Amino acid sequence: MPTRTPIACSLSATELPKRLAEMEAIGADALLTADRTPTTARLRFRASDDTRERLAAIVTAESRCCAFLNFDLRDDAGAIVLTIASPADDAARLMLDELADAFAATKA
C-alpha cells in the first residue's frame, strides 16, 4: 500500500512568518504575473541570477518543510517560472494559497 505524504508544514510558528516575508520580498522585487487554479500557482518572475538563486533557495527549503507540495522552477521566454502544485486536499490548497499569496502580497 503506498504511503501518503502528510499534509503538514514542519516550520515553527517563528519560522513561518520569516519564510513568508522572504517570499513577499522576492515577489516585490521581481514578480511579473501570478496565475492560479484550485491546485496550482504559476508565478512568473523577472529573470536575473539573483532572483533565480533566491527562488531556488525557497524551493529547496519549502520542499523540505512542505513535502506534499510539488515545486517546479524553470526558465521560460525570458522569465523564471515557479509552479507550485498541491494535492486536491483542502489543507494542501490552503497552504498553496498562503505561499502564492505571500509572493503576490505587494501586487494586490
Protein backbone atom coordinates (compact mmCIF):
# COMPACT_ATOMS: atom_id res chain seq x y z
CA MET A 1 0.00 0.00 0.00
CA PRO A 2 1.50 3.40 -0.97
CA THR A 3 2.18 5.83 1.85
CA ARG A 4 0.76 9.30 1.62
CA THR A 5 2.85 12.36 2.44
CA PRO A 6 1.27 14.11 5.42
CA ILE A 7 -0.35 17.47 4.71
CA ALA A 8 1.59 19.48 7.27
CA CYS A 9 4.20 22.22 7.31
CA SER A 10 7.13 21.50 9.57
CA LEU A 11 8.09 25.15 10.14
CA SER A 12 7.69 26.55 13.63
CA ALA A 13 5.46 29.48 14.50
CA THR A 14 8.51 31.77 14.36
CA GLU A 15 10.00 30.30 11.18
CA LEU A 16 6.86 30.53 9.02
CA PRO A 17 6.48 34.35 9.14
CA LYS A 18 10.17 34.73 8.20
CA ARG A 19 9.76 32.40 5.22
CA LEU A 20 6.62 34.20 4.07
CA ALA A 21 8.46 37.53 4.37
CA GLU A 22 11.25 36.16 2.14
CA MET A 23 8.62 35.21 -0.45
CA GLU A 24 6.99 38.63 -0.23
CA ALA A 25 10.38 40.31 -0.75
CA ILE A 26 11.09 38.24 -3.86
CA GLY A 27 7.61 39.00 -5.15
CA ALA A 28 8.06 42.72 -4.54
CA ASP A 29 11.39 42.68 -6.37
CA ALA A 30 10.57 40.51 -9.36
CA LEU A 31 7.05 39.05 -9.66
CA LEU A 32 5.52 39.69 -13.09
CA THR A 33 2.34 37.59 -13.05
CA ALA A 34 0.56 35.04 -10.90
CA ASP A 35 -1.91 32.59 -12.46
CA ARG A 36 -3.99 30.28 -10.29
CA THR A 37 -6.13 27.20 -10.46
CA PRO A 38 -7.54 25.49 -7.36
CA THR A 39 -4.46 23.23 -7.12
CA THR A 40 -1.73 25.17 -8.95
CA ALA A 41 0.02 28.53 -8.76
CA ARG A 42 2.16 29.59 -11.72
CA LEU A 43 4.32 32.57 -10.80
CA ARG A 44 6.44 34.39 -13.40
CA PHE A 45 9.40 36.44 -12.23
CA ARG A 46 11.74 38.87 -13.96
CA ALA A 47 14.81 36.88 -14.98
CA SER A 48 18.05 37.57 -13.10
CA ASP A 49 20.71 35.46 -11.43
CA ASP A 50 19.79 36.92 -8.04
CA THR A 51 16.10 36.09 -8.46
CA ARG A 52 16.90 32.55 -9.61
CA GLU A 53 19.18 31.98 -6.59
CA ARG A 54 16.58 33.33 -4.15
CA LEU A 55 13.80 31.25 -5.71
CA ALA A 56 15.96 28.11 -5.77
CA ALA A 57 16.67 28.58 -2.04
CA ILE A 58 12.93 28.93 -1.34
CA VAL A 59 12.13 25.83 -3.42
CA THR A 60 14.77 23.79 -1.59
CA ALA A 61 13.54 24.94 1.82
CA GLU A 62 9.84 24.54 1.02
CA SER A 63 10.39 21.09 -0.49
CA ARG A 64 11.69 20.00 2.91
CA CYS A 65 9.01 21.54 5.11
CA CYS A 66 6.02 21.06 2.78
CA ALA A 67 6.83 17.78 1.04
CA PHE A 68 3.18 17.38 -0.01
CA LEU A 69 3.60 20.29 -2.47
CA ASN A 70 5.33 19.94 -5.83
CA PHE A 71 7.70 22.77 -6.84
CA ASP A 72 8.99 23.28 -10.37
CA LEU A 73 11.40 26.11 -11.21
CA ARG A 74 12.36 26.75 -14.83
CA ASP A 75 13.32 29.41 -17.36
CA ASP A 76 10.62 30.29 -19.87
CA ALA A 77 10.56 33.04 -22.50
CA GLY A 78 12.86 35.45 -20.69
CA ALA A 79 11.30 34.86 -17.28
CA ILE A 80 11.74 32.48 -14.37
CA VAL A 81 8.60 30.44 -13.73
CA LEU A 82 7.82 28.84 -10.39
CA THR A 83 4.94 26.38 -10.47
CA ILE A 84 3.60 25.10 -7.16
CA ALA A 85 1.09 22.25 -7.27
CA SER A 86 -0.89 20.79 -4.40
CA PRO A 87 -2.97 17.67 -3.97
CA ALA A 88 -6.74 18.17 -4.21
CA ASP A 89 -6.98 18.36 -0.44
CA ASP A 90 -8.41 21.34 1.46
CA ALA A 91 -5.45 21.63 3.85
CA ALA A 92 -2.93 21.41 0.99
CA ARG A 93 -4.79 24.02 -1.03
CA LEU A 94 -4.80 26.37 1.97
CA MET A 95 -1.01 26.09 2.17
CA LEU A 96 -0.72 26.64 -1.60
CA ASP A 97 -2.87 29.76 -1.21
CA GLU A 98 -0.69 31.05 1.62
CA LEU A 99 2.52 30.61 -0.36
CA ALA A 100 1.14 32.10 -3.59
CA ASP A 101 -0.41 35.00 -1.69
CA ALA A 102 2.93 35.70 0.02
CA PHE A 103 4.72 36.05 -3.32
CA ALA A 104 1.95 38.29 -4.67
CA ALA A 105 1.30 40.31 -1.49
CA THR A 106 2.65 43.56 -2.90
CA LYS A 107 0.87 43.08 -6.25
CA ALA A 108 -2.64 43.05 -4.76
